[in-house]
Protein backbone atom coordinates (compact mmCIF):
# COMPACT_ATOMS: atom_id res chain seq x y z
CA MET A 1 0.00 0.00 0.00
CA THR A 2 1.47 3.35 -0.98
CA PRO A 3 1.84 6.06 1.68
CA LEU A 4 -0.65 8.27 -0.15
CA TYR A 5 -3.42 5.68 0.14
CA PHE A 6 -2.49 4.99 3.74
CA MET A 7 -2.69 8.68 4.65
CA PHE A 8 -6.08 8.94 2.93
CA LEU A 9 -7.43 5.95 4.86
CA PHE A 10 -5.91 7.21 8.10
CA GLY A 11 -7.53 10.62 7.58
CA MET A 12 -10.88 8.98 6.87
CA MET A 13 -10.54 6.94 10.04
CA LEU A 14 -9.76 10.06 12.09
CA ALA A 15 -12.67 11.96 10.58
CA PHE A 16 -15.03 9.08 11.40
CA HIS A 17 -13.64 8.96 14.93
CA ILE A 18 -14.18 12.70 15.43
CA VAL A 19 -17.74 12.55 14.08
CA MET A 20 -18.60 9.61 16.32
CA THR A 21 -17.01 11.30 19.34
CA VAL A 22 -19.07 14.45 18.78
CA ASP A 23 -22.21 12.35 18.31
CA THR A 24 -21.52 10.54 21.58
CA LEU A 25 -20.87 13.81 23.41
CA LYS A 26 -24.29 15.13 22.39
CA THR A 27 -25.94 12.70 24.81
CA ARG A 28 -26.34 13.96 28.35
CA GLN A 29 -23.62 12.07 30.18
CA PRO A 30 -23.37 12.89 33.90
CA ASP A 31 -19.56 12.74 33.97
CA LEU A 32 -19.25 15.21 31.09
CA ILE A 33 -21.80 17.58 32.63
CA LYS A 34 -19.95 17.44 35.95
CA VAL A 35 -16.51 18.17 34.48
CA GLY A 36 -17.72 20.37 31.66
CA TYR A 37 -17.85 19.92 27.92
CA LEU A 38 -14.93 22.23 27.19
CA THR A 39 -12.59 20.37 29.52
CA SER A 40 -13.72 17.03 28.12
CA LEU A 41 -13.26 18.14 24.52
CA VAL A 42 -9.78 19.50 25.21
CA LEU A 43 -8.78 16.29 26.99
CA ILE A 44 -10.15 14.10 24.19
CA TYR A 45 -8.39 16.25 21.58
CA VAL A 46 -5.02 16.15 23.36
CA VAL A 47 -5.17 12.38 23.93
CA ASN A 48 -6.15 11.77 20.28
CA LEU A 49 -3.36 14.03 19.04
CA THR A 50 -0.82 12.26 21.25
CA ILE A 51 -1.91 8.82 20.06
CA VAL A 52 -1.84 9.88 16.39
CA SER A 53 1.63 11.39 16.74
CA GLY A 54 2.86 8.22 18.48
CA VAL A 55 1.52 6.11 15.62
CA PHE A 56 3.15 8.44 13.11
CA GLU A 57 6.52 7.99 14.81
CA LEU A 58 6.18 4.23 14.49
CA LEU A 59 5.20 4.42 10.82
CA PHE A 60 7.28 7.27 9.39
CA LYS A 61 11.02 7.69 9.81
CA GLY A 62 11.00 11.48 9.43
CA PHE A 63 8.52 12.05 12.27
CA SER A 64 9.74 12.50 15.85
CA PHE A 65 7.30 12.17 18.76
CA LEU A 66 9.60 14.03 21.15
CA TYR A 67 10.07 16.88 18.67
CA PHE A 68 6.29 17.05 18.28
CA LEU A 69 5.76 17.26 22.06
CA ASN A 70 8.52 19.83 22.50
CA ASN A 71 7.25 21.98 19.63
CA SER A 72 3.65 21.72 20.88
CA TYR A 73 4.75 22.81 24.34
CA PHE A 74 6.49 25.94 23.11
CA ILE A 75 3.66 26.85 20.71
CA SER A 76 1.18 26.49 23.60
CA ILE A 77 3.28 28.82 25.74
CA ASP A 78 3.28 31.40 22.94
CA ILE A 79 -0.50 31.13 22.56
CA TYR A 80 -1.07 31.57 26.30
CA LYS A 81 1.25 34.59 26.36
CA LEU A 82 -0.66 36.20 23.47
CA ILE A 83 -4.01 35.56 25.14
CA PHE A 84 -2.76 36.97 28.44
CA LYS A 85 -1.35 40.04 26.67
CA GLN A 86 -4.65 40.65 24.84
CA LEU A 87 -6.75 40.26 27.97
CA PHE A 88 -4.70 41.98 30.65
CA LEU A 89 -2.14 44.32 29.11
């Protein structure tokens, strides 16, 4: 299987997963109401992104999981700094 077909199928799988997750979250689940939908969505997104990047490191030689985590960390810091600057300065 060529990498192009694999990436297409992997993207379709992720899209299906996201649609099914959103459909499941529409039901009134007590644990999601207690914690909050925003917190739950962020946690689900981060876990999914971590799993996908881990799979990519196993499949592709040019992808580094540690570089992804490090880069994500510094981009998140920059985003939080910009939000703080817009809100409070």
